[in-house]
């Protein structure tokens, strides 16, 4: 479970960096990484959405911060 949370966090950080590059420099880094293939870019975005939902689930249901008192 911990490894899947780390992988989901890495996916979201990478998509955040791609979005930041697009916002600052107006260069679509995600499309460049996917060789301007729209299907691949949308697939990576969908995977990022699922990763975000999994992290919300893991943080709310599993409560990993419970023993940090």
Protein backbone atom coordinates (compact mmCIF):
# COMPACT_ATOMS: atom_id res chain seq x y z
CA UNK A 1 0.00 0.00 0.00
CA UNK A 2 2.85 2.35 0.79
CA UNK A 3 4.51 1.70 -2.57
CA UNK A 4 1.29 2.42 -4.46
CA UNK A 5 0.91 5.72 -2.58
CA UNK A 6 4.47 6.68 -3.51
CA UNK A 7 3.86 5.80 -7.17
CA UNK A 8 0.62 7.81 -7.22
CA UNK A 9 2.41 10.77 -5.65
CA UNK A 10 5.16 10.60 -8.27
CA UNK A 11 2.56 10.53 -11.05
CA UNK A 12 0.79 13.59 -9.64
CA UNK A 13 4.07 15.49 -9.14
CA UNK A 14 5.09 14.76 -12.74
CA UNK A 15 1.72 15.94 -14.07
CA UNK A 16 1.99 19.04 -11.87
CA UNK A 17 5.40 19.83 -13.33
CA UNK A 18 4.00 19.41 -16.86
CA UNK A 19 1.14 21.75 -15.98
CA UNK A 20 3.51 24.29 -14.46
CA UNK A 21 5.72 24.29 -17.54
CA UNK A 22 2.65 24.81 -19.69
CA UNK A 23 1.40 27.66 -17.49
CA UNK A 24 4.72 29.50 -17.37
CA UNK A 25 6.26 28.86 -20.79
CA UNK A 26 3.17 27.89 -22.84
CA UNK A 27 4.97 24.71 -23.94
CA UNK A 28 2.89 21.56 -23.73
CA UNK A 29 5.39 19.24 -22.06
CA UNK A 30 2.87 16.41 -21.65
CA UNK A 31 2.14 16.37 -25.38
CA UNK A 32 5.87 16.52 -26.11
CA UNK A 33 6.54 13.53 -23.84
CA UNK A 34 3.73 11.62 -25.57
CA UNK A 35 5.08 12.57 -29.04
CA UNK A 36 1.97 14.73 -29.64
CA UNK A 37 -0.28 11.68 -29.46
CA UNK A 38 -3.62 12.87 -28.05
CA UNK A 39 -4.69 9.41 -26.93
CA UNK A 40 -1.51 8.89 -24.91
CA UNK A 41 -1.76 12.34 -23.32
CA UNK A 42 -5.38 11.76 -22.34
CA UNK A 43 -4.50 8.32 -20.99
CA UNK A 44 -1.78 9.79 -18.77
CA UNK A 45 -4.18 12.48 -17.59
CA UNK A 46 -6.79 9.82 -16.76
CA UNK A 47 -4.17 7.82 -14.85
CA UNK A 48 -3.37 10.98 -12.91
CA UNK A 49 -7.04 11.38 -12.02
CA UNK A 50 -7.23 7.82 -10.76
CA UNK A 51 -4.03 8.37 -8.78
CA UNK A 52 -5.53 11.44 -7.14
CA UNK A 53 -8.68 9.55 -6.20
CA UNK A 54 -6.61 6.70 -4.76
CA UNK A 55 -4.57 9.11 -2.64
CA UNK A 56 -7.72 10.74 -1.31
CA UNK A 57 -9.06 7.29 -0.43
CA UNK A 58 -5.80 6.19 1.17
CA UNK A 59 -5.50 9.34 3.27
CA UNK A 60 -9.11 9.39 4.41
CA UNK A 61 -9.87 5.70 4.99
CA UNK A 62 -6.52 4.19 5.95
CA UNK A 63 -5.41 7.18 8.10
CA UNK A 64 -1.62 6.82 7.83
CA UNK A 65 -1.19 9.86 10.10
CA UNK A 66 -3.01 8.19 13.01
CA UNK A 67 0.11 7.31 15.03
CA UNK A 68 1.84 10.68 14.66
CA UNK A 69 0.66 12.13 17.98
